[in-house]
Amino acid sequence: MGLAFATLDGVLNANPIAQRLYAAYKPILRESVNAPLGVALDLFFGITLTMLFVLLSPALPGGRLMKGATFGMLAWFFRVVMGVGAQLVMFKIPPLTLLYSLATGAVEMIALGMLCSLALHSN
């Protein structure tokens, strides 16, 4: 799941639309991205999310895909929605950029939840 996390992060955050929208962060960006650290963090986050899914899966509603989608929505809320809310309060970020983050974060987290569910559930 960590590799899927890293791949989705790259696709959703490095495309031309994202680059244009994320230009608002340019004044505080690093000169270059530490890609090995980014991949290592995505692997760690993926493993952590997988362990959380295993713990929470019995309490999640529905079948295999529904459990994954529900888990993804929980992860989206705690990872993306709360982060966007904090940015809204602290920084002057264009609303379209924040909406893009919310939308792509939902796609990423729900897809990862469903992938995790498909990989780990036997029924």
Protein backbone atom coordinates (compact mmCIF):
# COMPACT_ATOMS: atom_id res chain seq x y z
CA MET A 1 0.00 0.00 0.00
CA GLY A 2 2.95 2.31 0.59
CA LEU A 3 3.97 2.13 -3.07
CA ALA A 4 0.42 2.92 -4.14
CA PHE A 5 0.49 5.87 -1.72
CA ALA A 6 3.73 7.18 -3.24
CA THR A 7 2.46 6.69 -6.80
CA LEU A 8 -0.87 8.43 -6.18
CA ASP A 9 0.90 11.29 -4.39
CA GLY A 10 3.11 11.80 -7.42
CA VAL A 11 0.28 11.63 -9.95
CA LEU A 12 -2.07 13.90 -8.00
CA ASN A 13 0.48 16.45 -6.80
CA ALA A 14 2.98 16.70 -9.66
CA ASN A 15 0.63 17.11 -12.63
CA PRO A 16 0.39 20.47 -14.46
CA ILE A 17 -2.96 21.41 -12.88
CA ALA A 18 -1.65 20.74 -9.38
CA GLN A 19 1.57 22.62 -10.08
CA ARG A 20 -0.40 25.68 -11.18
CA LEU A 21 -2.74 25.53 -8.18
CA TYR A 22 0.04 24.83 -5.70
CA ALA A 23 2.02 27.87 -6.89
CA ALA A 24 0.53 29.65 -3.86
CA TYR A 25 2.98 27.63 -1.74
CA LYS A 26 6.01 28.73 -3.81
CA PRO A 27 7.31 31.27 -1.26
CA ILE A 28 7.68 28.56 1.39
CA LEU A 29 8.75 25.61 -0.81
CA ARG A 30 12.16 23.97 -0.54
CA GLU A 31 14.57 24.45 -3.44
CA SER A 32 14.35 20.72 -4.23
CA VAL A 33 12.22 17.84 -3.02
CA ASN A 34 13.82 15.09 -0.95
CA ALA A 35 12.32 12.25 -3.01
CA PRO A 36 13.88 9.35 -1.04
CA LEU A 37 12.48 10.76 2.21
CA GLY A 38 9.10 11.30 0.55
CA VAL A 39 8.96 7.70 -0.65
CA ALA A 40 10.11 6.41 2.76
CA LEU A 41 7.40 8.43 4.48
CA ASP A 42 4.75 7.20 2.04
CA LEU A 43 5.85 3.60 2.71
CA PHE A 44 5.65 4.19 6.46
CA PHE A 45 2.24 5.85 6.15
CA GLY A 46 1.02 3.02 3.92
CA ILE A 47 2.11 0.37 6.42
CA THR A 48 0.53 2.34 9.26
CA LEU A 49 -2.74 2.75 7.36
CA THR A 50 -2.74 -0.98 6.57
CA MET A 51 -2.33 -1.85 10.25
CA LEU A 52 -5.13 0.56 11.16
CA PHE A 53 -7.37 -0.99 8.51
CA VAL A 54 -6.74 -4.46 9.93
CA LEU A 55 -7.70 -3.20 13.40
CA LEU A 56 -10.79 -1.28 12.29
CA SER A 57 -12.08 -3.56 9.53
CA PRO A 58 -14.37 -5.67 11.75
CA ALA A 59 -16.19 -2.50 12.85
CA LEU A 60 -16.60 -1.04 9.36
CA PRO A 61 -19.90 -1.50 7.54
CA GLY A 62 -20.57 -3.42 4.34
CA GLY A 63 -18.66 -5.83 2.20
CA ARG A 64 -15.07 -5.74 1.05
CA LEU A 65 -15.16 -2.58 -1.11
CA MET A 66 -17.51 -0.72 1.23
CA LYS A 67 -15.18 -1.35 4.16
CA GLY A 68 -12.29 0.00 2.11
CA ALA A 69 -14.23 3.06 0.96
CA THR A 70 -15.40 3.79 4.51
CA PHE A 71 -11.86 3.45 5.83
CA GLY A 72 -10.65 5.73 3.03
CA MET A 73 -13.23 8.37 3.99
CA LEU A 74 -12.09 8.21 7.61
CA ALA A 75 -8.46 8.59 6.51
CA TRP A 76 -9.47 11.46 4.19
CA PHE A 77 -11.16 13.30 7.03
CA PHE A 78 -8.28 12.94 9.49
CA ARG A 79 -5.49 13.48 6.94
CA VAL A 80 -6.88 15.86 4.35
CA VAL A 81 -9.93 17.71 5.65
CA MET A 82 -8.28 18.62 8.94
CA GLY A 83 -5.11 19.72 7.12
CA VAL A 84 -7.04 21.86 4.64
CA GLY A 85 -9.00 23.38 7.52
CA ALA A 86 -5.76 24.35 9.25
CA GLN A 87 -4.39 25.87 6.02
CA LEU A 88 -7.59 27.85 5.58
CA VAL A 89 -7.09 29.37 9.01
CA MET A 90 -3.34 30.00 8.84
CA PHE A 91 -2.45 30.83 5.22
CA LYS A 92 -3.69 32.90 2.31
CA ILE A 93 -4.28 30.00 -0.05
CA PRO A 94 -6.69 30.40 -3.00
CA PRO A 95 -9.99 28.56 -2.42
CA LEU A 96 -9.60 26.60 -5.68
CA THR A 97 -6.30 25.20 -4.40
CA LEU A 98 -7.93 24.07 -1.17
CA LEU A 99 -10.82 22.49 -3.09
CA TYR A 100 -8.34 20.67 -5.33
CA SER A 101 -6.60 19.32 -2.23
CA LEU A 102 -9.92 18.14 -0.80
CA ALA A 103 -10.99 16.46 -4.06
CA THR A 104 -7.69 14.77 -4.89
CA GLY A 105 -7.25 13.78 -1.25
CA ALA A 106 -10.64 12.07 -1.34
CA VAL A 107 -9.72 10.19 -4.52
CA GLU A 108 -6.38 9.12 -3.07
CA MET A 109 -7.61 8.04 0.36
CA ILE A 110 -10.70 6.19 -0.89
CA ALA A 111 -8.66 4.43 -3.60
CA LEU A 112 -6.03 3.42 -1.03
CA GLY A 113 -8.70 2.18 1.37
CA MET A 114 -10.29 0.08 -1.35
CA LEU A 115 -6.91 -1.29 -2.50
CA CYS A 116 -6.08 -2.19 1.07
CA SER A 117 -9.42 -3.91 1.51
CA LEU A 118 -9.03 -5.89 -1.72
CA ALA A 119 -5.52 -6.95 -0.79
CA LEU A 120 -6.34 -8.04 2.75
CA HIS A 121 -9.87 -9.45 2.70
CA SER A 122 -10.46 -13.03 1.69
CA ASN A 123 -14.25 -12.78 1.20
